[in-house]
C-alpha cells in the first residue's frame, strides 16, 4: 500500500482508547487485512475525502433516514417488489 504522494514510509505513533484499538482489530480481521494496513488505508481515505461540515452530515443522515423510512433502500438494493412498500 503506498502512502499519499510519498514513496518512503515513516512511523506514526498515536494513542487511542483500548476500545477503539479493539474495534479496529475486529474490523481489520473481518476484512482479512493486518491492523497496520487497515489503519494506513483508513488514514489515506480520511485525508483524501473532502471535509464535511456538521450541517452537511446532519443533512445526509436526515435524507438517508427518510429514504429508509420510505422503503426506497429496500426497493433499490434488494429489488423488493413488496405491495406494502409500493404504497409508500
Protein backbone atom coordinates (compact mmCIF):
# COMPACT_ATOMS: atom_id res chain seq x y z
CA UNK A 1 0.00 0.00 0.00
CA UNK A 2 1.50 3.33 -0.97
CA UNK A 3 1.28 6.48 1.07
CA UNK A 4 -0.40 9.63 -0.16
CA UNK A 5 2.17 11.09 -2.54
CA UNK A 6 5.17 9.54 -0.75
CA UNK A 7 7.50 6.82 -1.94
CA UNK A 8 9.02 6.26 1.51
CA UNK A 9 7.44 5.26 4.78
CA UNK A 10 7.66 6.89 8.21
CA UNK A 11 6.35 5.75 11.55
CA UNK A 12 3.35 7.45 13.13
CA UNK A 13 2.59 6.71 16.76
CA UNK A 14 -0.75 7.67 18.27
CA UNK A 15 -2.57 6.81 21.47
CA UNK A 16 -6.16 5.65 21.20
CA UNK A 17 -8.61 4.21 23.71
CA UNK A 18 -8.40 0.41 24.07
CA UNK A 19 -11.96 0.09 22.78
CA UNK A 20 -11.04 1.86 19.53
CA UNK A 21 -8.00 -0.34 19.02
CA UNK A 22 -10.10 -3.44 19.67
CA UNK A 23 -12.76 -2.28 17.23
CA UNK A 24 -10.12 -1.58 14.58
CA UNK A 25 -8.61 -5.03 15.11
CA UNK A 26 -12.02 -6.67 14.73
CA UNK A 27 -12.76 -4.73 11.54
CA UNK A 28 -9.32 -5.49 10.08
CA UNK A 29 -9.78 -9.18 10.84
CA UNK A 30 -13.26 -9.11 9.31
CA UNK A 31 -11.89 -7.78 6.02
CA UNK A 32 -8.82 -10.01 6.18
CA UNK A 33 -6.03 -7.46 6.43
CA UNK A 34 -3.39 -6.76 9.08
CA UNK A 35 -4.25 -3.96 11.50
CA UNK A 36 -1.31 -1.92 10.17
CA UNK A 37 -2.71 -1.99 6.61
CA UNK A 38 -6.24 -1.29 7.82
CA UNK A 39 -5.15 1.80 9.78
CA UNK A 40 -2.99 3.05 6.91
CA UNK A 41 -5.91 2.74 4.48
CA UNK A 42 -8.26 4.46 6.94
CA UNK A 43 -5.86 7.40 7.18
CA UNK A 44 -5.45 7.58 3.40
CA UNK A 45 -9.23 7.63 2.92
CA UNK A 46 -9.68 10.23 5.67
CA UNK A 47 -7.07 12.52 4.11
CA UNK A 48 -8.40 12.06 0.57
CA UNK A 49 -12.02 12.81 1.46
CA UNK A 50 -13.15 16.41 1.22
CA UNK A 51 -14.05 17.89 4.58
CA UNK A 52 -17.71 17.71 5.55
CA UNK A 53 -19.36 20.16 7.90
CA UNK A 54 -21.59 19.04 10.76
CA UNK A 55 -24.57 20.58 8.93
CA UNK A 56 -23.79 18.58 5.78
CA UNK A 57 -23.50 15.41 7.84
CA UNK A 58 -26.83 16.09 9.56
CA UNK A 59 -28.46 16.69 6.17
CA UNK A 60 -27.07 13.44 4.75
CA UNK A 61 -28.27 11.48 7.78
CA UNK A 62 -31.73 13.04 7.55
CA UNK A 63 -32.01 12.20 3.84
CA UNK A 64 -30.86 8.65 4.46
CA UNK A 65 -33.37 8.22 7.29
CA UNK A 66 -36.17 9.50 5.04
CA UNK A 67 -35.17 7.08 2.27
CA UNK A 68 -35.06 4.18 4.71
CA UNK A 69 -38.44 5.09 6.20
CA UNK A 70 -39.95 5.32 2.71
CA UNK A 71 -38.67 1.85 1.79
CA UNK A 72 -36.50 3.22 -1.00
CA UNK A 73 -33.43 1.41 0.26
CA UNK A 74 -35.12 -1.99 0.17
CA UNK A 75 -36.54 -1.37 -3.29
CA UNK A 76 -33.21 -0.19 -4.67
CA UNK A 77 -30.73 -2.55 -3.03
CA UNK A 78 -32.77 -5.70 -2.63
CA UNK A 79 -35.10 -5.26 -5.58
CA UNK A 80 -38.07 -5.95 -3.35
CA UNK A 81 -41.43 -5.98 -5.06
CA UNK A 82 -43.47 -5.73 -1.89
CA UNK A 83 -47.04 -4.37 -2.16
CA UNK A 84 -46.65 -2.72 1.25
CA UNK A 85 -43.57 -0.86 0.04
CA UNK A 86 -45.24 0.12 -3.22
CA UNK A 87 -47.83 2.12 -1.28
CA UNK A 88 -45.17 4.23 0.42
